[in-house]
């Protein structure tokens, strides 16, 4: 929370706003020291999944609440609006109720830093930088089940190094493309975290630049990639990375959906062929990677365009990445399970088959139990999506817009058709707050952590 103060070297006129970030930062530090003294134990031990889920849920709630303070203090937002902006930042969603044209550079940078840190995840930051609980359960509870190397902390540090490399390369590339240093830093943080906060009202469309879009596209895709896949690519193991089902699904979906958008939406709306191609490709990638940058508005799009974007937002990005959504891994496994089920009809009754997909250089054997778990998750996800969309529609918003907006919130995407703004009903904002948290931390973690908390707090 103190890191945005570095921009005071460039904008010293904003020094009066220090207190808006310093007060909650000091409060968090004091709370941390107090909790450490009260609950510290001499015997270090590994945490199980339930204990880790409690840590993850409480940590995210506390951080989101404290992070809302600067928006109330410096932007004069209401409590609901401030919590919404905070949750949107940490969950790397990118939906916003802040007027970026009237915001200070401190606030704009704070929004981007929230997304950068939220994309990495509190567990990864903790494991990589401080001495914390032993074991990988905290990382697993936050949705980072895969490790780059066997040692937990070393794996977390490698993730941070990859992430830092993205940030440095992205900032330089944006600067070369024509952005000033401040905009380059902010948009890099938002792109690699698949967050989508922008310093401009029109997002990437503000520049209407092929070079800016050309920088943004690979950054969004890198943020979408599983960190294990990125690790393999950086080590030249392209063959192993290409076997990954998520990569194959992404390479299939992007061209098919971009072509569909081009012919069925863009050619009738935009004046030139190059503009239609750019919009079709960019909007496909931003929706699938759940980044939320945009180059155009969607008010004039037809129903096919809306439905395709909703589908991409629901699918989402790679597992163990900064992206949200159902995740490409689950979609790929469900597709493969359908293929395996068809093949099973043509096998002898006594035949035994071991179904697998590739994860890096290793075969990931998929049991019926795993498929059942994935099916349960997808059911919960879609049920939540329907309920959330109905809640938004109950406020008088059209069904098409409600479906789009809640798909964006639940998938932590950030694309909007204008429903989410500073005048939005608190009912809409709180529905999206819950959707963003569920989409980022995933259902089983929140359910497990909350149930464990209630069970431990209530008298036996």
Foldseek 3Di string as FASTA:
>chain_A
DQVLCVCCVVVVVCVVLNCQVVVLVVVVVVVVVVCCVVDPDPDADADALLVLLQVQVVVVVSQLQSQLSSCCVPVVADSLQSSLLSLLQLLLQAAHAGDLVPDDLSVLVSSLVSLLDSQLNPVLCPLQPHDDHDDCSNVVLQQQPDFLDPHRNVRSNVLVVVSVVQQVVQQVQQVVQPDPNSQSNSLSSLQLLLRQHGSDPQFLLVVVGPSNLVSSLVSLQNLQDAVNLVVCVVVVNVVLSVQAQQVVVVVVQQVVQLVCCLVPWQVVPDDDSVVSSSQSNSLLSLLLQLSAGHSDACPPTDLVVLVSSLVSLQAHGDGNGSWWHLHSNLVSVVVVVVVVVVVVVVDDPPDDDFDFGRDRPDTHTDDPVNNVVSVVQSVVLVVLLVVLLVQLVVVVDDSSQSSSVLSSLLRSRNHHNPQRYNPHDSSNSVSSSVSSVCGSSPDVSNVSNVVSVVVVPDDD
